[in-house]
Every structure is written in C-alpha cells, then in structure tokens.
Amino acid sequence: MAILNGIVTVLLVISALILIVTVLLQPGESNGLGAIAGGAETFFGKNKAKTMEGKLALATKVSAGVFIVCALIVAVIG
C-alpha cells in the first residue's frame, strides 16, 4: 500500500502543477457586454478546439480530472 500511496501522491503533485500552468497560460475572458448579445460567437469561435486556447482548456479539464481522482484515492488509502 505504501508504494501505491507514493505513486498516487506523485501523480497528484504532477497533475496539480500541470493544472496551475494550464490555468495561468489561458487568456482572460474579457468580452464585456458583447458576450451577452452573442457578439463573441464568430466564425473563428466555432473551431476553437483546434487553437491553442482549446488545447489548453482540454489540458485543464484532463488535469483537473486526474487531480480529483488522485485526491480521492489518497484520501481513501491514507
């Protein structure tokens, strides 16, 4: 159990660092009042998953999921 606890703890720390970096690299969402009327939805907004912003958002979601799972495993084991 000690080996599993150590492995999960290392994964927890790595996912936390990745989560911090990906959140800090994402640009701010300062659309103002244009977002209320749908002004932010443009042609370029539809292919957002292929941009660097989309990749950072995906990396944030994945690292947050790994972080939550590892935190729960450490709580159950430890």
N, C-alpha and C. Protein backbone atom coordinates (compact mmCIF):
# COMPACT_ATOMS: atom_id res chain seq x y z
N MET A 1 0.81 -1.20 0.00
CA MET A 1 0.00 0.00 0.00
C MET A 1 0.85 1.26 0.00
N ALA A 2 2.03 1.18 0.60
CA ALA A 2 2.89 2.36 0.65
C ALA A 2 3.38 2.74 -0.74
N ILE A 3 3.64 1.74 -1.58
CA ILE A 3 4.10 2.02 -2.94
C ILE A 3 2.98 2.68 -3.74
N LEU A 4 1.77 2.16 -3.63
CA LEU A 4 0.62 2.73 -4.33
C LEU A 4 0.35 4.16 -3.85
N ASN A 5 0.47 4.37 -2.55
CA ASN A 5 0.27 5.71 -1.99
C ASN A 5 1.32 6.68 -2.54
N GLY A 6 2.55 6.22 -2.66
CA GLY A 6 3.61 7.07 -3.20
C GLY A 6 3.39 7.41 -4.66
N ILE A 7 2.98 6.42 -5.45
CA ILE A 7 2.73 6.64 -6.88
C ILE A 7 1.58 7.63 -7.08
N VAL A 8 0.51 7.44 -6.33
CA VAL A 8 -0.65 8.32 -6.47
C VAL A 8 -0.32 9.73 -5.99
N THR A 9 0.50 9.84 -4.96
CA THR A 9 0.91 11.15 -4.47
C THR A 9 1.75 11.88 -5.51
N VAL A 10 2.65 11.18 -6.18
CA VAL A 10 3.45 11.79 -7.24
C VAL A 10 2.55 12.23 -8.39
N LEU A 11 1.59 11.40 -8.78
CA LEU A 11 0.63 11.78 -9.82
C LEU A 11 -0.19 13.00 -9.40
N LEU A 12 -0.53 13.08 -8.12
CA LEU A 12 -1.29 14.21 -7.60
C LEU A 12 -0.50 15.50 -7.72
N VAL A 13 0.77 15.46 -7.37
CA VAL A 13 1.61 16.65 -7.45
C VAL A 13 1.83 17.07 -8.91
N ILE A 14 2.08 16.10 -9.78
CA ILE A 14 2.29 16.42 -11.20
C ILE A 14 1.03 17.01 -11.82
N SER A 15 -0.12 16.42 -11.51
CA SER A 15 -1.36 16.96 -12.07
C SER A 15 -1.67 18.34 -11.50
N ALA A 16 -1.32 18.59 -10.25
CA ALA A 16 -1.52 19.92 -9.67
C ALA A 16 -0.65 20.95 -10.37
N LEU A 17 0.60 20.61 -10.65
CA LEU A 17 1.48 21.54 -11.36
C LEU A 17 1.00 21.81 -12.78
N ILE A 18 0.56 20.76 -13.47
CA ILE A 18 0.03 20.93 -14.82
C ILE A 18 -1.23 21.79 -14.79
N LEU A 19 -2.08 21.58 -13.80
CA LEU A 19 -3.30 22.36 -13.66
C LEU A 19 -2.99 23.83 -13.43
N ILE A 20 -2.02 24.12 -12.59
CA ILE A 20 -1.62 25.50 -12.32
C ILE A 20 -1.09 26.16 -13.58
N VAL A 21 -0.22 25.47 -14.30
CA VAL A 21 0.39 26.05 -15.50
C VAL A 21 -0.65 26.29 -16.59
N THR A 22 -1.54 25.32 -16.80
CA THR A 22 -2.53 25.49 -17.87
C THR A 22 -3.52 26.60 -17.56
N VAL A 23 -3.88 26.76 -16.30
CA VAL A 23 -4.80 27.85 -15.94
C VAL A 23 -4.10 29.19 -16.11
N LEU A 24 -2.85 29.28 -15.73
CA LEU A 24 -2.14 30.55 -15.86
C LEU A 24 -1.85 30.93 -17.32
N LEU A 25 -1.73 29.96 -18.20
CA LEU A 25 -1.45 30.26 -19.61
C LEU A 25 -2.69 30.66 -20.40
N GLN A 26 -3.87 30.39 -19.87
CA GLN A 26 -5.09 30.72 -20.60
C GLN A 26 -5.34 32.21 -20.57
N PRO A 27 -5.77 32.76 -21.72
CA PRO A 27 -6.06 34.20 -21.76
C PRO A 27 -7.35 34.52 -21.01
N GLY A 28 -7.48 35.77 -20.59
CA GLY A 28 -8.67 36.21 -19.87
C GLY A 28 -9.88 36.30 -20.78
N GLU A 29 -11.05 36.14 -20.20
CA GLU A 29 -12.31 36.23 -20.95
C GLU A 29 -12.93 37.59 -20.67
N SER A 30 -12.41 38.61 -21.29
CA SER A 30 -12.93 39.96 -21.08
C SER A 30 -13.68 40.43 -22.32
N ASN A 31 -14.81 39.81 -22.58
CA ASN A 31 -15.62 40.15 -23.74
C ASN A 31 -16.52 41.35 -23.49
N GLY A 32 -16.76 41.68 -22.25
CA GLY A 32 -17.62 42.81 -21.93
C GLY A 32 -19.08 42.49 -22.20
N LEU A 33 -19.83 43.49 -22.61
CA LEU A 33 -21.26 43.32 -22.86
C LEU A 33 -21.54 42.64 -24.18
N GLY A 34 -20.54 42.48 -25.04
CA GLY A 34 -20.75 41.82 -26.32
C GLY A 34 -21.09 40.35 -26.17
N ALA A 35 -20.67 39.75 -25.07
CA ALA A 35 -20.95 38.34 -24.84
C ALA A 35 -22.42 38.10 -24.51
N ILE A 36 -23.08 39.11 -23.98
CA ILE A 36 -24.48 38.95 -23.61
C ILE A 36 -25.34 38.80 -24.87
N ALA A 37 -25.06 39.60 -25.88
CA ALA A 37 -25.86 39.59 -27.10
C ALA A 37 -25.38 38.55 -28.10
N GLY A 38 -24.36 37.81 -27.75
CA GLY A 38 -23.85 36.80 -28.66
C GLY A 38 -22.81 37.33 -29.62
N GLY A 39 -22.25 38.47 -29.33
CA GLY A 39 -21.26 39.07 -30.20
C GLY A 39 -19.95 38.31 -30.22
N ALA A 40 -19.71 37.50 -29.21
CA ALA A 40 -18.45 36.75 -29.14
C ALA A 40 -18.47 35.54 -30.06
N GLU A 41 -19.64 35.12 -30.51
CA GLU A 41 -19.75 33.96 -31.38
C GLU A 41 -19.46 34.38 -32.81
N THR A 42 -18.28 34.12 -33.26
CA THR A 42 -17.88 34.48 -34.61
C THR A 42 -17.51 33.22 -35.37
N PHE A 43 -17.09 33.41 -36.60
CA PHE A 43 -16.66 32.27 -37.41
C PHE A 43 -15.48 31.55 -36.79
N PHE A 44 -14.56 32.33 -36.23
CA PHE A 44 -13.35 31.73 -35.65
C PHE A 44 -13.64 31.05 -34.32
N GLY A 45 -14.74 31.38 -33.68
CA GLY A 45 -15.08 30.76 -32.41
C GLY A 45 -15.56 29.33 -32.55
N LYS A 46 -15.98 28.95 -33.75
CA LYS A 46 -16.52 27.61 -33.95
C LYS A 46 -15.41 26.55 -34.03
N ASN A 47 -14.22 26.91 -34.42
CA ASN A 47 -13.09 25.98 -34.50
C ASN A 47 -12.14 26.18 -33.33
N LYS A 48 -12.68 26.46 -32.18
CA LYS A 48 -11.86 26.79 -31.02
C LYS A 48 -11.06 25.60 -30.50
N ALA A 49 -11.55 24.38 -30.74
CA ALA A 49 -10.87 23.20 -30.21
C ALA A 49 -9.52 22.98 -30.88
N LYS A 50 -9.33 23.53 -32.08
CA LYS A 50 -8.07 23.33 -32.80
C LYS A 50 -7.03 24.39 -32.44
N THR A 51 -7.42 25.44 -31.75
CA THR A 51 -6.50 26.50 -31.39
C THR A 51 -5.75 26.15 -30.11
N MET A 52 -4.81 26.99 -29.77
CA MET A 52 -4.04 26.78 -28.54
C MET A 52 -4.93 26.94 -27.32
N GLU A 53 -5.92 27.84 -27.40
CA GLU A 53 -6.86 28.01 -26.28
C GLU A 53 -7.66 26.74 -26.04
N GLY A 54 -8.09 26.10 -27.11
CA GLY A 54 -8.85 24.86 -26.98
C GLY A 54 -8.01 23.75 -26.39
N LYS A 55 -6.76 23.68 -26.81
CA LYS A 55 -5.86 22.65 -26.27
C LYS A 55 -5.57 22.89 -24.80
N LEU A 56 -5.40 24.16 -24.41
CA LEU A 56 -5.18 24.47 -23.01
C LEU A 56 -6.42 24.16 -22.17
N ALA A 57 -7.60 24.43 -22.72
CA ALA A 57 -8.83 24.12 -22.00
C ALA A 57 -8.97 22.61 -21.81
N LEU A 58 -8.65 21.84 -22.84
CA LEU A 58 -8.71 20.38 -22.72
C LEU A 58 -7.69 19.88 -21.71
N ALA A 59 -6.48 20.41 -21.74
CA ALA A 59 -5.45 20.00 -20.78
C ALA A 59 -5.87 20.36 -19.36
N THR A 60 -6.54 21.49 -19.19
CA THR A 60 -7.03 21.88 -17.87
C THR A 60 -8.08 20.90 -17.36
N LYS A 61 -9.01 20.52 -18.24
CA LYS A 61 -10.07 19.60 -17.83
C LYS A 61 -9.50 18.23 -17.48
N VAL A 62 -8.55 17.75 -18.28
CA VAL A 62 -7.96 16.43 -18.03
C VAL A 62 -7.16 16.43 -16.74
N SER A 63 -6.33 17.46 -16.56
CA SER A 63 -5.51 17.51 -15.34
C SER A 63 -6.37 17.71 -14.10
N ALA A 64 -7.49 18.44 -14.22
CA ALA A 64 -8.40 18.59 -13.08
C ALA A 64 -9.05 17.25 -12.73
N GLY A 65 -9.42 16.48 -13.75
CA GLY A 65 -10.00 15.16 -13.50
C GLY A 65 -9.01 14.22 -12.84
N VAL A 66 -7.78 14.21 -13.33
CA VAL A 66 -6.74 13.37 -12.74
C VAL A 66 -6.46 13.80 -11.30
N PHE A 67 -6.44 15.11 -11.07
CA PHE A 67 -6.20 15.64 -9.73
C PHE A 67 -7.29 15.18 -8.76
N ILE A 68 -8.54 15.27 -9.18
CA ILE A 68 -9.66 14.88 -8.30
C ILE A 68 -9.62 13.39 -8.00
N VAL A 69 -9.37 12.58 -9.03
CA VAL A 69 -9.31 11.12 -8.82
C VAL A 69 -8.15 10.76 -7.89
N CYS A 70 -6.99 11.36 -8.12
CA CYS A 70 -5.83 11.06 -7.26
C CYS A 70 -6.07 11.53 -5.82
N ALA A 71 -6.72 12.68 -5.66
CA ALA A 71 -7.01 13.17 -4.31
C ALA A 71 -7.97 12.23 -3.58
N LEU A 72 -8.95 11.72 -4.31
CA LEU A 72 -9.88 10.76 -3.68
C LEU A 72 -9.18 9.45 -3.32
N ILE A 73 -8.29 8.99 -4.19
CA ILE A 73 -7.56 7.75 -3.91
C ILE A 73 -6.66 7.92 -2.70
N VAL A 74 -5.98 9.06 -2.61
CA VAL A 74 -5.10 9.32 -1.45
C VAL A 74 -5.94 9.41 -0.18
N ALA A 75 -7.12 10.00 -0.26
CA ALA A 75 -7.98 10.11 0.93
C ALA A 75 -8.47 8.74 1.39
N VAL A 76 -8.77 7.85 0.45
CA VAL A 76 -9.26 6.52 0.82
C VAL A 76 -8.12 5.66 1.36
N ILE A 77 -6.97 5.71 0.69
CA ILE A 77 -5.84 4.87 1.10
C ILE A 77 -5.23 5.37 2.40
N GLY A 78 -4.99 6.69 2.46
CA GLY A 78 -4.27 7.26 3.60
C GLY A 78 -5.18 7.47 4.75
